[in-house]
Amino acid sequence: MNIPEHFHAHAGELIAIEQEAAIKRNYWAVALGIKPKIDGNSYCFLWGDDLQSGVCGFGDTPIAAMHDFDRAMYAKARGE
């Protein structure tokens, strides 16, 4: 694709934004439509009825909680 010179920086920025969005769409919490909840001083993603029977992830930020939730989902899928 032939992009005019004056659009190069902007095109690179748009590509980076789209790549980041594509990565985030692959997170389990995003795919399942789960919203983070604040639990004390941390964030929590919970899929299921409660912490004992469901899958959860915690973190100091929503992104950290999302990463922990992904780790927990993959551990559950492996039967851990």
PDB file of N, CA and C in Angstrom:
ATOM      1  N   MET A   1       0.849  -1.168   0.000  1.00  0.00           N
ATOM      2  CA  MET A   1       0.000   0.000   0.000  1.00  0.00           C
ATOM      3  C   MET A   1       0.893   1.229   0.000  1.00  0.00           C
ATOM      4  N   ASN A   2       0.585   2.178  -0.822  1.00  0.00           N
ATOM      5  CA  ASN A   2       1.373   3.389  -0.948  1.00  0.00           C
ATOM      6  C   ASN A   2       0.756   4.487  -0.084  1.00  0.00           C
ATOM      7  N   ILE A   3       1.414   4.807   1.035  1.00  0.00           N
ATOM      8  CA  ILE A   3       0.909   5.810   1.976  1.00  0.00           C
ATOM      9  C   ILE A   3       1.706   7.093   1.788  1.00  0.00           C
ATOM     10  N   PRO A   4       1.035   8.246   1.610  1.00  0.00           N
ATOM     11  CA  PRO A   4       1.756   9.516   1.470  1.00  0.00           C
ATOM     12  C   PRO A   4       2.644   9.772   2.692  1.00  0.00           C
ATOM     13  N   GLU A   5       3.773  10.425   2.463  1.00  0.00           N
ATOM     14  CA  GLU A   5       4.764  10.686   3.518  1.00  0.00           C
ATOM     15  C   GLU A   5       4.146  11.302   4.770  1.00  0.00           C
ATOM     16  N   HIS A   6       3.273  12.278   4.606  1.00  0.00           N
ATOM     17  CA  HIS A   6       2.740  12.988   5.769  1.00  0.00           C
ATOM     18  C   HIS A   6       1.806  12.117   6.620  1.00  0.00           C
ATOM     19  N   PHE A   7       1.430  10.943   6.151  1.00  0.00           N
ATOM     20  CA  PHE A   7       0.589  10.037   6.932  1.00  0.00           C
ATOM     21  C   PHE A   7       1.382   8.931   7.628  1.00  0.00           C
ATOM     22  N   HIS A   8       2.680   8.814   7.373  1.00  0.00           N
ATOM     23  CA  HIS A   8       3.463   7.700   7.902  1.00  0.00           C
ATOM     24  C   HIS A   8       3.395   7.593   9.422  1.00  0.00           C
ATOM     25  N   ALA A   9       3.627   8.696  10.135  1.00  0.00           N
ATOM     26  CA  ALA A   9       3.608   8.647  11.604  1.00  0.00           C
ATOM     27  C   ALA A   9       2.221   8.266  12.106  1.00  0.00           C
ATOM     28  N   HIS A  10       1.199   8.840  11.518  1.00  0.00           N
ATOM     29  CA  HIS A  10      -0.170   8.554  11.942  1.00  0.00           C
ATOM     30  C   HIS A  10      -0.549   7.105  11.634  1.00  0.00           C
ATOM     31  N   ALA A  11      -0.140   6.613  10.480  1.00  0.00           N
ATOM     32  CA  ALA A  11      -0.441   5.225  10.112  1.00  0.00           C
ATOM     33  C   ALA A  11       0.219   4.262  11.089  1.00  0.00           C
ATOM     34  N   GLY A  12       1.462   4.550  11.469  1.00  0.00           N
ATOM     35  CA  GLY A  12       2.155   3.705  12.440  1.00  0.00           C
ATOM     36  C   GLY A  12       1.442   3.685  13.777  1.00  0.00           C
ATOM     37  N   GLU A  13       0.948   4.842  14.192  1.00  0.00           N
ATOM     38  CA  GLU A  13       0.213   4.938  15.458  1.00  0.00           C
ATOM     39  C   GLU A  13      -1.085   4.133  15.387  1.00  0.00           C
ATOM     40  N   LEU A  14      -1.801   4.240  14.281  1.00  0.00           N
ATOM     41  CA  LEU A  14      -3.047   3.486  14.122  1.00  0.00           C
ATOM     42  C   LEU A  14      -2.800   1.980  14.097  1.00  0.00           C
ATOM     43  N   ILE A  15      -1.731   1.564  13.462  1.00  0.00           N
ATOM     44  CA  ILE A  15      -1.388   0.139  13.425  1.00  0.00           C
ATOM     45  C   ILE A  15      -1.078  -0.360  14.826  1.00  0.00           C
ATOM     46  N   ALA A  16      -0.325   0.429  15.601  1.00  0.00           N
ATOM     47  CA  ALA A  16       0.012   0.041  16.976  1.00  0.00           C
ATOM     48  C   ALA A  16      -1.245  -0.076  17.833  1.00  0.00           C
ATOM     49  N   ILE A  17      -2.173   0.854  17.678  1.00  0.00           N
ATOM     50  CA  ILE A  17      -3.423   0.816  18.443  1.00  0.00           C
ATOM     51  C   ILE A  17      -4.229  -0.429  18.076  1.00  0.00           C
ATOM     52  N   GLU A  18      -4.311  -0.736  16.789  1.00  0.00           N
ATOM     53  CA  GLU A  18      -5.066  -1.913  16.349  1.00  0.00           C
ATOM     54  C   GLU A  18      -4.417  -3.201  16.834  1.00  0.00           C
ATOM     55  N   GLN A  19      -3.084  -3.258  16.836  1.00  0.00           N
ATOM     56  CA  GLN A  19      -2.391  -4.447  17.336  1.00  0.00           C
ATOM     57  C   GLN A  19      -2.670  -4.643  18.821  1.00  0.00           C
ATOM     58  N   GLU A  20      -2.632  -3.549  19.591  1.00  0.00           N
ATOM     59  CA  GLU A  20      -2.918  -3.642  21.023  1.00  0.00           C
ATOM     60  C   GLU A  20      -4.355  -4.095  21.255  1.00  0.00           C
ATOM     61  N   ALA A  21      -5.296  -3.569  20.480  1.00  0.00           N
ATOM     62  CA  ALA A  21      -6.701  -3.969  20.614  1.00  0.00           C
ATOM     63  C   ALA A  21      -6.878  -5.445  20.270  1.00  0.00           C
ATOM     64  N   ALA A  22      -6.181  -5.916  19.249  1.00  0.00           N
ATOM     65  CA  ALA A  22      -6.274  -7.331  18.866  1.00  0.00           C
ATOM     66  C   ALA A  22      -5.746  -8.227  19.971  1.00  0.00           C
ATOM     67  N   ILE A  23      -4.675  -7.814  20.615  1.00  0.00           N
ATOM     68  CA  ILE A  23      -4.118  -8.590  21.729  1.00  0.00           C
ATOM     69  C   ILE A  23      -5.120  -8.640  22.876  1.00  0.00           C
ATOM     70  N   LYS A  24      -5.709  -7.494  23.220  1.00  0.00           N
ATOM     71  CA  LYS A  24      -6.657  -7.446  24.335  1.00  0.00           C
ATOM     72  C   LYS A  24      -7.910  -8.272  24.054  1.00  0.00           C
ATOM     73  N   ARG A  25      -8.321  -8.370  22.795  1.00  0.00           N
ATOM     74  CA  ARG A  25      -9.499  -9.185  22.465  1.00  0.00           C
ATOM     75  C   ARG A  25      -9.248 -10.660  22.748  1.00  0.00           C
ATOM     76  N   ASN A  26      -8.004 -11.058  22.841  1.00  0.00           N
ATOM     77  CA  ASN A  26      -7.675 -12.452  23.113  1.00  0.00           C
ATOM     78  C   ASN A  26      -7.672 -12.786  24.603  1.00  0.00           C
ATOM     79  N   TYR A  27      -7.784 -11.795  25.470  1.00  0.00           N
ATOM     80  CA  TYR A  27      -7.866 -12.070  26.902  1.00  0.00           C
ATOM     81  C   TYR A  27      -9.212 -12.723  27.204  1.00  0.00           C
ATOM     82  N   TRP A  28      -9.191 -13.710  28.087  1.00  0.00           N
ATOM     83  CA  TRP A  28     -10.429 -14.412  28.453  1.00  0.00           C
ATOM     84  C   TRP A  28     -11.489 -13.451  28.980  1.00  0.00           C
ATOM     85  N   ALA A  29     -11.102 -12.526  29.856  1.00  0.00           N
ATOM     86  CA  ALA A  29     -12.079 -11.615  30.456  1.00  0.00           C
ATOM     87  C   ALA A  29     -12.784 -10.783  29.390  1.00  0.00           C
ATOM     88  N   VAL A  30     -12.049 -10.361  28.377  1.00  0.00           N
ATOM     89  CA  VAL A  30     -12.644  -9.578  27.293  1.00  0.00           C
ATOM     90  C   VAL A  30     -13.568 -10.465  26.463  1.00  0.00           C
ATOM     91  N   ALA A  31     -13.101 -11.660  26.123  1.00  0.00           N
ATOM     92  CA  ALA A  31     -13.903 -12.584  25.311  1.00  0.00           C
ATOM     93  C   ALA A  31     -15.205 -12.966  26.012  1.00  0.00           C
ATOM     94  N   LEU A  32     -15.160 -13.104  27.337  1.00  0.00           N
ATOM     95  CA  LEU A  32     -16.344 -13.493  28.102  1.00  0.00           C
ATOM     96  C   LEU A  32     -17.207 -12.299  28.497  1.00  0.00           C
ATOM     97  N   GLY A  33     -16.708 -11.087  28.281  1.00  0.00           N
ATOM     98  CA  GLY A  33     -17.457  -9.884  28.624  1.00  0.00           C
ATOM     99  C   GLY A  33     -17.522  -9.604  30.113  1.00  0.00           C
ATOM    100  N   ILE A  34     -16.525 -10.069  30.849  1.00  0.00           N
ATOM    101  CA  ILE A  34     -16.507  -9.877  32.302  1.00  0.00           C
ATOM    102  C   ILE A  34     -15.905  -8.516  32.629  1.00  0.00           C
ATOM    103  N   LYS A  35     -16.543  -7.798  33.522  1.00  0.00           N
ATOM    104  CA  LYS A  35     -16.061  -6.486  33.962  1.00  0.00           C
ATOM    105  C   LYS A  35     -15.349  -6.635  35.304  1.00  0.00           C
ATOM    106  N   PRO A  36     -14.296  -5.853  35.531  1.00  0.00           N
ATOM    107  CA  PRO A  36     -13.596  -5.952  36.816  1.00  0.00           C
ATOM    108  C   PRO A  36     -14.430  -5.345  37.939  1.00  0.00           C
ATOM    109  N   LYS A  37     -14.290  -5.920  39.109  1.00  0.00           N
ATOM    110  CA  LYS A  37     -14.933  -5.385  40.315  1.00  0.00           C
ATOM    111  C   LYS A  37     -13.824  -5.024  41.294  1.00  0.00           C
ATOM    112  N   ILE A  38     -14.068  -4.044  42.126  1.00  0.00           N
ATOM    113  CA  ILE A  38     -13.087  -3.680  43.145  1.00  0.00           C
ATOM    114  C   ILE A  38     -13.367  -4.517  44.379  1.00  0.00           C
ATOM    115  N   ASP A  39     -12.327  -5.185  44.858  1.00  0.00           N
ATOM    116  CA  ASP A  39     -12.416  -6.037  46.047  1.00  0.00           C
ATOM    117  C   ASP A  39     -11.383  -5.528  47.044  1.00  0.00           C
ATOM    118  N   GLY A  40     -11.832  -4.724  47.994  1.00  0.00           N
ATOM    119  CA  GLY A  40     -10.889  -4.108  48.930  1.00  0.00           C
ATOM    120  C   GLY A  40     -10.039  -3.093  48.190  1.00  0.00           C
ATOM    121  N   ASN A  41      -8.730  -3.334  48.173  1.00  0.00           N
ATOM    122  CA  ASN A  41      -7.835  -2.412  47.476  1.00  0.00           C
ATOM    123  C   ASN A  41      -7.283  -3.014  46.179  1.00  0.00           C
ATOM    124  N   SER A  42      -7.944  -4.056  45.658  1.00  0.00           N
ATOM    125  CA  SER A  42      -7.493  -4.658  44.402  1.00  0.00           C
ATOM    126  C   SER A  42      -8.679  -4.880  43.473  1.00  0.00           C
ATOM    127  N   TYR A  43      -8.370  -5.218  42.249  1.00  0.00           N
ATOM    128  CA  TYR A  43      -9.388  -5.501  41.245  1.00  0.00           C
ATOM    129  C   TYR A  43      -9.551  -7.001  41.100  1.00  0.00           C
ATOM    130  N   CYS A  44     -10.758  -7.419  40.739  1.00  0.00           N
ATOM    131  CA  CYS A  44     -11.055  -8.844  40.620  1.00  0.00           C
ATOM    132  C   CYS A  44     -11.903  -9.106  39.382  1.00  0.00           C
ATOM    133  N   PHE A  45     -11.536 -10.148  38.647  1.00  0.00           N
ATOM    134  CA  PHE A  45     -12.376 -10.695  37.588  1.00  0.00           C
ATOM    135  C   PHE A  45     -12.854 -12.044  38.084  1.00  0.00           C
ATOM    136  N   LEU A  46     -14.156 -12.278  38.053  1.00  0.00           N
ATOM    137  CA  LEU A  46     -14.727 -13.544  38.513  1.00  0.00           C
ATOM    138  C   LEU A  46     -15.655 -14.093  37.446  1.00  0.00           C
ATOM    139  N   TRP A  47     -15.444 -15.347  37.084  1.00  0.00           N
ATOM    140  CA  TRP A  47     -16.329 -16.058  36.165  1.00  0.00           C
ATOM    141  C   TRP A  47     -16.879 -17.246  36.924  1.00  0.00           C
ATOM    142  N   GLY A  48     -18.153 -17.194  37.245  1.00  0.00           N
ATOM    143  CA  GLY A  48     -18.792 -18.224  38.047  1.00  0.00           C
ATOM    144  C   GLY A  48     -19.567 -17.593  39.186  1.00  0.00           C
ATOM    145  N   ASP A  49     -20.108 -18.456  40.039  1.00  0.00           N
ATOM    146  CA  ASP A  49     -20.958 -17.981  41.126  1.00  0.00           C
ATOM    147  C   ASP A  49     -20.183 -17.428  42.314  1.00  0.00           C
ATOM    148  N   ASP A  50     -19.032 -18.021  42.608  1.00  0.00           N
ATOM    149  CA  ASP A  50     -18.259 -17.574  43.763  1.00  0.00           C
ATOM    150  C   ASP A  50     -16.785 -17.934  43.567  1.00  0.00           C
ATOM    151  N   LEU A  51     -15.952 -17.483  44.510  1.00  0.00           N
ATOM    152  CA  LEU A  51     -14.504 -17.714  44.398  1.00  0.00           C
ATOM    153  C   LEU A  51     -14.135 -19.191  44.469  1.00  0.00           C
ATOM    154  N   GLN A  52     -14.901 -19.978  45.214  1.00  0.00           N
ATOM    155  CA  GLN A  52     -14.569 -21.390  45.392  1.00  0.00           C
ATOM    156  C   GLN A  52     -14.856 -22.222  44.138  1.00  0.00           C
ATOM    157  N   SER A  53     -15.972 -21.958  43.484  1.00  0.00           N
ATOM    158  CA  SER A  53     -16.343 -22.785  42.332  1.00  0.00           C
ATOM    159  C   SER A  53     -16.027 -22.131  40.988  1.00  0.00           C
ATOM    160  N   GLY A  54     -15.775 -20.836  40.987  1.00  0.00           N
ATOM    161  CA  GLY A  54     -15.508 -20.127  39.739  1.00  0.00           C
ATOM    162  C   GLY A  54     -14.024 -19.968  39.469  1.00  0.00           C
ATOM    163  N   VAL A  55     -13.725 -19.158  38.496  1.00  0.00           N
ATOM    164  CA  VAL A  55     -12.347 -18.813  38.146  1.00  0.00           C
ATOM    165  C   VAL A  55     -12.195 -17.327  38.401  1.00  0.00           C
ATOM    166  N   CYS A  56     -11.103 -16.944  39.072  1.00  0.00           N
ATOM    167  CA  CYS A  56     -10.928 -15.536  39.397  1.00  0.00           C
ATOM    168  C   CYS A  56      -9.483 -15.103  39.185  1.00  0.00           C
ATOM    169  N   GLY A  57      -9.323 -13.811  39.034  1.00  0.00           N
ATOM    170  CA  GLY A  57      -8.007 -13.205  38.913  1.00  0.00           C
ATOM    171  C   GLY A  57      -7.996 -11.894  39.665  1.00  0.00           C
ATOM    172  N   PHE A  58      -6.914 -11.636  40.379  1.00  0.00           N
ATOM    173  CA  PHE A  58      -6.788 -10.419  41.180  1.00  0.00           C
ATOM    174  C   PHE A  58      -5.560  -9.633  40.762  1.00  0.00           C
ATOM    175  N   GLY A  59      -5.592  -8.322  40.996  1.00  0.00           N
ATOM    176  CA  GLY A  59      -4.433  -7.486  40.714  1.00  0.00           C
ATOM    177  C   GLY A  59      -4.636  -6.078  41.233  1.00  0.00           C
ATOM    178  N   ASP A  60      -3.529  -5.344  41.330  1.00  0.00           N
ATOM    179  CA  ASP A  60      -3.586  -3.957  41.795  1.00  0.00           C
ATOM    180  C   ASP A  60      -4.210  -3.028  40.753  1.00  0.00           C
ATOM    181  N   THR A  61      -4.208  -3.462  39.498  1.00  0.00           N
ATOM    182  CA  THR A  61      -4.812  -2.696  38.404  1.00  0.00           C
ATOM    183  C   THR A  61      -5.737  -3.632  37.621  1.00  0.00           C
ATOM    184  N   PRO A  62      -6.660  -3.077  36.844  1.00  0.00           N
ATOM    185  CA  PRO A  62      -7.509  -3.950  36.030  1.00  0.00           C
ATOM    186  C   PRO A  62      -6.701  -4.833  35.074  1.00  0.00           C
ATOM    187  N   ILE A  63      -5.635  -4.297  34.499  1.00  0.00           N
ATOM    188  CA  ILE A  63      -4.804  -5.088  33.574  1.00  0.00           C
ATOM    189  C   ILE A  63      -4.116  -6.228  34.312  1.00  0.00           C
ATOM    190  N   ALA A  64      -3.586  -5.950  35.507  1.00  0.00           N
ATOM    191  CA  ALA A  64      -2.932  -7.005  36.293  1.00  0.00           C
ATOM    192  C   ALA A  64      -3.940  -8.093  36.661  1.00  0.00           C
ATOM    193  N   ALA A  65      -5.157  -7.691  37.016  1.00  0.00           N
ATOM    194  CA  ALA A  65      -6.198  -8.669  37.346  1.00  0.00           C
ATOM    195  C   ALA A  65      -6.578  -9.484  36.115  1.00  0.00           C
ATOM    196  N   MET A  66      -6.595  -8.845  34.946  1.00  0.00           N
ATOM    197  CA  MET A  66      -6.918  -9.546  33.706  1.00  0.00           C
ATOM    198  C   MET A  66      -5.843 -10.584  33.383  1.00  0.00           C
ATOM    199  N   HIS A  67      -4.589 -10.237  33.605  1.00  0.00           N
ATOM    200  CA  HIS A  67      -3.495 -11.189  33.373  1.00  0.00           C
ATOM    201  C   HIS A  67      -3.603 -12.374  34.334  1.00  0.00           C
ATOM    202  N   ASP A  68      -3.916 -12.090  35.599  1.00  0.00           N
ATOM    203  CA  ASP A  68      -4.062 -13.159  36.591  1.00  0.00           C
ATOM    204  C   ASP A  68      -5.259 -14.050  36.245  1.00  0.00           C
ATOM    205  N   PHE A  69      -6.343 -13.449  35.768  1.00  0.00           N
ATOM    206  CA  PHE A  69      -7.519 -14.214  35.352  1.00  0.00           C
ATOM    207  C   PHE A  69      -7.168 -15.134  34.183  1.00  0.00           C
ATOM    208  N   ASP A  70      -6.415 -14.623  33.212  1.00  0.00           N
ATOM    209  CA  ASP A  70      -5.981 -15.458  32.086  1.00  0.00           C
ATOM    210  C   ASP A  70      -5.159 -16.638  32.582  1.00  0.00           C
ATOM    211  N   ARG A  71      -4.231 -16.385  33.497  1.00  0.00           N
ATOM    212  CA  ARG A  71      -3.401 -17.447  34.065  1.00  0.00           C
ATOM    213  C   ARG A  71      -4.286 -18.497  34.727  1.00  0.00           C
ATOM    214  N   ALA A  72      -5.284 -18.039  35.489  1.00  0.00           N
ATOM    215  CA  ALA A  72      -6.189 -18.958  36.185  1.00  0.00           C
ATOM    216  C   ALA A  72      -7.044 -19.760  35.197  1.00  0.00           C
ATOM    217  N   MET A  73      -7.491 -19.131  34.123  1.00  0.00           N
ATOM    218  CA  MET A  73      -8.293 -19.846  33.121  1.00  0.00           C
ATOM    219  C   MET A  73      -7.478 -20.942  32.446  1.00  0.00           C
ATOM    220  N   TYR A  74      -6.240 -20.633  32.089  1.00  0.00           N
ATOM    221  CA  TYR A  74      -5.401 -21.645  31.439  1.00  0.00           C
ATOM    222  C   TYR A  74      -5.039 -22.759  32.410  1.00  0.00           C
ATOM    223  N   ALA A  75      -4.838 -22.423  33.686  1.00  0.00           N
ATOM    224  CA  ALA A  75      -4.570 -23.450  34.696  1.00  0.00           C
ATOM    225  C   ALA A  75      -5.789 -24.358  34.844  1.00  0.00           C
ATOM    226  N   LYS A  76      -6.981 -23.772  34.858  1.00  0.00           N
ATOM    227  CA  LYS A  76      -8.225 -24.553  34.964  1.00  0.00           C
ATOM    228  C   LYS A  76      -8.379 -25.468  33.744  1.00  0.00           C
ATOM    229  N   ALA A  77      -8.061 -24.953  32.568  1.00  0.00           N
ATOM    230  CA  ALA A  77      -8.172 -25.751  31.341  1.00  0.00           C
ATOM    231  C   ALA A  77      -7.206 -26.935  31.352  1.00  0.00           C
ATOM    232  N   ARG A  78      -6.048 -26.754  32.002  1.00  0.00           N
ATOM    233  CA  ARG A  78      -5.069 -27.842  32.103  1.00  0.00           C
ATOM    234  C   ARG A  78      -5.397 -28.792  33.250  1.00  0.00           C
ATOM    235  N   GLY A  79      -6.427 -28.464  34.038  1.00  0.00           N
ATOM    236  CA  GLY A  79      -6.828 -29.317  35.154  1.00  0.00           C
ATOM    237  C   GLY A  79      -6.015 -29.114  36.413  1.00  0.00           C
ATOM    238  N   GLU A  80      -5.374 -27.981  36.527  1.00  0.00           N
ATOM    239  CA  GLU A  80      -4.552 -27.699  37.718  1.00  0.00           C
ATOM    240  C   GLU A  80      -5.395 -27.184  38.860  1.00  0.00           C
TER     241      GLU A  80
END
